[in-house]
N, C-alpha and C. Protein backbone atom coordinates (compact mmCIF):
# COMPACT_ATOMS: atom_id res chain seq x y z
N UNK A 1 -17.66 18.72 3.69
CA UNK A 1 -18.76 19.66 3.53
C UNK A 1 -18.23 21.08 3.58
N UNK A 2 -18.49 21.83 2.58
CA UNK A 2 -18.10 23.24 2.56
C UNK A 2 -19.30 24.09 2.94
N UNK A 3 -19.11 25.06 3.83
CA UNK A 3 -20.24 25.91 4.20
C UNK A 3 -20.64 26.81 3.04
N UNK A 4 -21.92 26.93 2.82
CA UNK A 4 -22.36 27.90 1.82
C UNK A 4 -22.48 29.26 2.50
N UNK A 5 -22.66 30.28 1.69
CA UNK A 5 -22.70 31.65 2.24
C UNK A 5 -23.80 31.79 3.27
N UNK A 6 -24.94 31.15 3.04
CA UNK A 6 -26.03 31.32 4.00
C UNK A 6 -25.69 30.66 5.34
N UNK A 7 -25.00 29.53 5.33
CA UNK A 7 -24.59 28.90 6.59
C UNK A 7 -23.62 29.81 7.33
N UNK A 8 -22.63 30.30 6.62
CA UNK A 8 -21.67 31.23 7.23
C UNK A 8 -22.39 32.46 7.79
N UNK A 9 -23.29 33.02 7.01
CA UNK A 9 -24.03 34.19 7.46
C UNK A 9 -24.85 33.89 8.71
N UNK A 10 -25.48 32.72 8.73
CA UNK A 10 -26.27 32.34 9.90
C UNK A 10 -25.40 32.16 11.13
N UNK A 11 -24.26 31.49 10.97
CA UNK A 11 -23.34 31.30 12.09
C UNK A 11 -22.90 32.66 12.63
N UNK A 12 -22.50 33.54 11.73
CA UNK A 12 -22.04 34.86 12.17
C UNK A 12 -23.18 35.66 12.80
N UNK A 13 -24.38 35.52 12.29
CA UNK A 13 -25.53 36.21 12.87
C UNK A 13 -25.77 35.72 14.29
N UNK A 14 -25.81 34.41 14.48
CA UNK A 14 -26.04 33.87 15.83
C UNK A 14 -24.89 34.23 16.77
N UNK A 15 -23.66 34.22 16.25
CA UNK A 15 -22.53 34.59 17.10
C UNK A 15 -22.67 36.03 17.59
N UNK A 16 -23.20 36.89 16.74
CA UNK A 16 -23.37 38.29 17.13
C UNK A 16 -24.40 38.46 18.24
N UNK A 17 -25.24 37.46 18.45
CA UNK A 17 -26.29 37.54 19.46
C UNK A 17 -25.88 37.03 20.83
N UNK A 18 -24.73 36.36 20.92
CA UNK A 18 -24.29 35.82 22.20
C UNK A 18 -23.96 36.99 23.13
N UNK A 19 -24.68 37.10 24.24
CA UNK A 19 -24.46 38.26 25.11
C UNK A 19 -23.18 38.17 25.93
N UNK A 20 -22.69 39.32 26.31
CA UNK A 20 -21.52 39.38 27.20
C UNK A 20 -21.85 38.61 28.47
N UNK A 21 -20.85 37.90 28.97
CA UNK A 21 -21.05 37.11 30.19
C UNK A 21 -21.57 35.72 29.93
N UNK A 22 -21.76 35.37 28.65
CA UNK A 22 -22.25 34.05 28.28
C UNK A 22 -21.30 33.46 27.23
N UNK A 23 -21.38 32.16 27.03
CA UNK A 23 -20.61 31.47 26.00
C UNK A 23 -21.54 30.53 25.25
N UNK A 24 -21.10 30.12 24.08
CA UNK A 24 -21.82 29.12 23.30
C UNK A 24 -20.81 28.16 22.72
N UNK A 25 -21.29 27.06 22.16
CA UNK A 25 -20.37 26.06 21.62
C UNK A 25 -20.43 26.04 20.09
N UNK A 26 -19.41 25.43 19.52
CA UNK A 26 -19.36 25.24 18.08
C UNK A 26 -20.61 24.46 17.62
N UNK A 27 -20.93 23.42 18.34
CA UNK A 27 -22.08 22.60 18.00
C UNK A 27 -23.40 23.34 18.13
N UNK A 28 -23.50 24.19 19.16
CA UNK A 28 -24.72 24.98 19.33
C UNK A 28 -24.94 25.88 18.12
N UNK A 29 -23.88 26.56 17.69
CA UNK A 29 -24.02 27.45 16.53
C UNK A 29 -24.34 26.65 15.27
N UNK A 30 -23.70 25.50 15.12
CA UNK A 30 -23.99 24.68 13.95
C UNK A 30 -25.45 24.27 13.93
N UNK A 31 -25.97 23.84 15.08
CA UNK A 31 -27.37 23.42 15.16
C UNK A 31 -28.32 24.59 14.90
N UNK A 32 -28.02 25.73 15.48
CA UNK A 32 -28.87 26.91 15.26
C UNK A 32 -28.92 27.27 13.78
N UNK A 33 -27.80 27.07 13.09
CA UNK A 33 -27.72 27.40 11.67
C UNK A 33 -28.25 26.27 10.77
N UNK A 34 -28.77 25.21 11.39
CA UNK A 34 -29.41 24.15 10.62
C UNK A 34 -28.55 22.97 10.24
N UNK A 35 -27.30 22.93 10.73
CA UNK A 35 -26.39 21.82 10.41
C UNK A 35 -25.75 21.32 11.71
N UNK A 36 -26.49 20.53 12.50
CA UNK A 36 -26.02 20.14 13.83
C UNK A 36 -24.70 19.37 13.87
N UNK A 37 -24.27 18.80 12.77
CA UNK A 37 -23.02 18.05 12.77
C UNK A 37 -21.86 18.82 12.14
N UNK A 38 -22.01 20.11 12.02
CA UNK A 38 -20.99 20.93 11.35
C UNK A 38 -20.17 21.78 12.32
N UNK A 39 -19.94 21.26 13.53
CA UNK A 39 -19.18 22.02 14.53
C UNK A 39 -17.79 22.39 14.03
N UNK A 40 -17.13 21.49 13.34
CA UNK A 40 -15.77 21.79 12.84
C UNK A 40 -15.80 22.90 11.79
N UNK A 41 -16.84 22.92 10.99
CA UNK A 41 -16.99 23.99 10.00
C UNK A 41 -17.15 25.33 10.72
N UNK A 42 -17.91 25.32 11.82
CA UNK A 42 -18.07 26.54 12.62
C UNK A 42 -16.71 27.01 13.12
N UNK A 43 -15.85 26.08 13.51
CA UNK A 43 -14.50 26.44 13.93
C UNK A 43 -13.73 27.16 12.85
N UNK A 44 -13.86 26.67 11.62
CA UNK A 44 -13.21 27.33 10.49
C UNK A 44 -13.77 28.71 10.23
N UNK A 45 -15.08 28.82 10.34
CA UNK A 45 -15.71 30.14 10.17
C UNK A 45 -15.21 31.10 11.25
N UNK A 46 -15.13 30.60 12.47
CA UNK A 46 -14.65 31.45 13.57
C UNK A 46 -13.22 31.91 13.32
N UNK A 47 -12.40 31.01 12.84
CA UNK A 47 -10.99 31.34 12.63
C UNK A 47 -10.79 32.35 11.51
N UNK A 48 -11.66 32.31 10.51
CA UNK A 48 -11.51 33.19 9.36
C UNK A 48 -12.65 34.19 9.23
N UNK A 49 -13.52 34.24 10.22
CA UNK A 49 -14.71 35.07 10.14
C UNK A 49 -14.49 36.53 10.51
N UNK A 50 -15.57 37.24 10.55
CA UNK A 50 -15.59 38.66 10.88
C UNK A 50 -14.96 38.89 12.26
N UNK A 51 -13.85 39.59 12.30
CA UNK A 51 -13.11 39.80 13.54
C UNK A 51 -13.83 40.72 14.52
N UNK A 52 -14.90 41.37 14.07
CA UNK A 52 -15.67 42.25 14.97
C UNK A 52 -16.62 41.45 15.86
N UNK A 53 -16.81 40.18 15.55
CA UNK A 53 -17.74 39.34 16.32
C UNK A 53 -17.06 38.83 17.59
N UNK A 54 -17.86 38.50 18.60
CA UNK A 54 -17.29 38.07 19.89
C UNK A 54 -16.89 36.59 19.91
N UNK A 55 -15.94 36.22 19.05
CA UNK A 55 -15.52 34.82 18.95
C UNK A 55 -14.94 34.31 20.26
N UNK A 56 -14.51 35.21 21.14
CA UNK A 56 -13.97 34.77 22.43
C UNK A 56 -15.04 34.07 23.27
N UNK A 57 -16.31 34.22 22.91
CA UNK A 57 -17.42 33.58 23.62
C UNK A 57 -17.73 32.19 23.09
N UNK A 58 -16.91 31.70 22.17
CA UNK A 58 -17.12 30.40 21.55
C UNK A 58 -16.19 29.38 22.21
N UNK A 59 -16.77 28.29 22.71
CA UNK A 59 -16.01 27.26 23.42
C UNK A 59 -16.41 25.88 22.91
N UNK A 60 -15.69 24.87 23.35
CA UNK A 60 -16.07 23.52 22.93
C UNK A 60 -17.22 22.97 23.78
N UNK A 61 -17.67 21.78 23.48
CA UNK A 61 -18.86 21.23 24.13
C UNK A 61 -18.69 20.98 25.62
N UNK A 62 -17.46 21.01 26.10
CA UNK A 62 -17.20 20.84 27.53
C UNK A 62 -16.95 22.17 28.24
N UNK A 63 -17.02 23.26 27.48
CA UNK A 63 -16.71 24.57 28.05
C UNK A 63 -15.25 24.92 27.96
N UNK A 64 -14.50 24.13 27.20
CA UNK A 64 -13.06 24.36 27.05
C UNK A 64 -12.76 25.49 26.07
N UNK A 65 -11.75 26.25 26.39
CA UNK A 65 -11.36 27.36 25.53
C UNK A 65 -10.65 26.85 24.28
N UNK A 66 -10.61 27.65 23.26
CA UNK A 66 -10.08 27.25 21.95
C UNK A 66 -8.56 27.36 21.91
N UNK A 67 -7.91 26.24 21.64
CA UNK A 67 -6.45 26.26 21.54
C UNK A 67 -5.99 27.08 20.34
N UNK A 68 -6.85 27.22 19.31
CA UNK A 68 -6.49 28.00 18.13
C UNK A 68 -6.89 29.45 18.20
N UNK A 69 -7.35 29.90 19.36
CA UNK A 69 -7.75 31.31 19.49
C UNK A 69 -6.52 32.19 19.31
N UNK A 70 -6.69 33.32 18.60
CA UNK A 70 -5.56 34.23 18.38
C UNK A 70 -4.98 34.67 19.72
N UNK A 71 -3.71 34.39 19.92
CA UNK A 71 -3.07 34.71 21.19
C UNK A 71 -3.14 33.58 22.19
N UNK A 72 -3.90 32.54 21.86
CA UNK A 72 -3.98 31.37 22.73
C UNK A 72 -5.12 31.44 23.73
N UNK A 73 -5.26 30.35 24.45
CA UNK A 73 -6.32 30.24 25.43
C UNK A 73 -6.17 31.27 26.56
N UNK A 74 -4.93 31.67 26.83
CA UNK A 74 -4.71 32.67 27.88
C UNK A 74 -5.40 33.98 27.53
N UNK A 75 -5.28 34.39 26.27
CA UNK A 75 -5.92 35.63 25.82
C UNK A 75 -7.44 35.48 25.86
N UNK A 76 -7.95 34.36 25.38
CA UNK A 76 -9.39 34.14 25.42
C UNK A 76 -9.90 34.19 26.86
N UNK A 77 -9.20 33.56 27.78
CA UNK A 77 -9.60 33.57 29.19
C UNK A 77 -9.60 34.99 29.76
N UNK A 78 -8.61 35.77 29.39
CA UNK A 78 -8.52 37.15 29.88
C UNK A 78 -9.69 37.98 29.38
N UNK A 79 -10.02 37.84 28.11
CA UNK A 79 -11.14 38.60 27.55
C UNK A 79 -12.45 38.18 28.21
N UNK A 80 -12.65 36.87 28.36
CA UNK A 80 -13.87 36.39 29.01
C UNK A 80 -13.96 36.91 30.44
N UNK A 81 -12.85 36.96 31.12
CA UNK A 81 -12.84 37.44 32.50
C UNK A 81 -13.30 38.89 32.59
N UNK A 82 -13.00 39.71 31.58
CA UNK A 82 -13.47 41.10 31.59
C UNK A 82 -14.99 41.17 31.51
N UNK A 83 -15.62 40.07 31.06
CA UNK A 83 -17.08 40.00 30.96
C UNK A 83 -17.69 39.23 32.14
N UNK A 84 -16.84 38.87 33.09
CA UNK A 84 -17.35 38.16 34.26
C UNK A 84 -17.36 36.65 34.15
N UNK A 85 -16.79 36.12 33.07
CA UNK A 85 -16.72 34.67 32.89
C UNK A 85 -15.35 34.19 33.34
N UNK A 86 -15.32 33.40 34.40
CA UNK A 86 -14.05 32.88 34.89
C UNK A 86 -13.82 31.46 34.38
N UNK A 87 -12.55 31.09 34.37
CA UNK A 87 -12.16 29.77 33.88
C UNK A 87 -11.14 29.16 34.84
N UNK A 88 -11.18 27.85 34.93
CA UNK A 88 -10.18 27.11 35.68
C UNK A 88 -9.58 26.09 34.72
N UNK A 89 -8.25 26.12 34.60
CA UNK A 89 -7.56 25.23 33.66
C UNK A 89 -8.17 25.32 32.26
N UNK A 90 -8.51 26.53 31.85
CA UNK A 90 -9.05 26.83 30.52
C UNK A 90 -10.39 26.17 30.23
N UNK A 91 -11.15 25.93 31.30
CA UNK A 91 -12.53 25.44 31.19
C UNK A 91 -13.41 26.49 31.87
N UNK A 92 -14.52 26.87 31.23
CA UNK A 92 -15.42 27.87 31.78
C UNK A 92 -16.03 27.36 33.09
N UNK A 93 -15.89 28.14 34.15
CA UNK A 93 -16.52 27.81 35.42
C UNK A 93 -18.03 27.95 35.27
N UNK A 94 -18.75 27.05 35.90
CA UNK A 94 -20.23 27.08 35.84
C UNK A 94 -20.71 27.10 34.39
N UNK A 95 -20.11 26.24 33.58
CA UNK A 95 -20.40 26.22 32.15
C UNK A 95 -21.89 26.08 31.86
N UNK A 96 -22.58 25.20 32.55
CA UNK A 96 -24.01 24.99 32.26
C UNK A 96 -24.81 26.27 32.46
N UNK A 97 -24.45 27.06 33.46
CA UNK A 97 -25.16 28.32 33.71
C UNK A 97 -24.74 29.42 32.74
N UNK A 98 -23.51 29.38 32.27
CA UNK A 98 -22.98 30.41 31.37
C UNK A 98 -23.33 30.15 29.91
N UNK A 99 -23.74 28.94 29.61
CA UNK A 99 -23.97 28.54 28.22
C UNK A 99 -25.20 29.22 27.64
N UNK A 100 -25.01 29.92 26.53
CA UNK A 100 -26.11 30.55 25.80
C UNK A 100 -26.59 29.56 24.77
N UNK A 101 -27.82 29.13 24.94
CA UNK A 101 -28.36 28.09 24.09
C UNK A 101 -29.84 28.37 23.86
N UNK A 102 -30.13 29.33 22.99
CA UNK A 102 -31.54 29.60 22.72
C UNK A 102 -32.19 28.34 22.17
N UNK A 103 -33.46 28.32 22.13
CA UNK A 103 -34.19 27.13 21.69
C UNK A 103 -33.60 26.55 20.42
N UNK A 104 -33.05 25.36 20.57
CA UNK A 104 -32.51 24.66 19.41
C UNK A 104 -33.66 23.89 18.86
């Protein structure tokens, strides 16, 4: 499945709404954009998407940091920490409370 421009635009729009101090998942963004099974496509969009967006707030369904994040999970953890999000072993602490999940 290749994302169409509107799917990409929707993913990037929702990513822009994730507030500092919160995280969301690939699957959450896919569902918000109308394609709940397109989490891997969201990963591709994140990797090649608008670098001005807060992609550091994007984690996997378990709260795990992205191994493909530019600079690695260490960099992602450091950036999240500046927003008050702490991680242990590259997993977001208190993930359920930190997860931004507007009405799906």
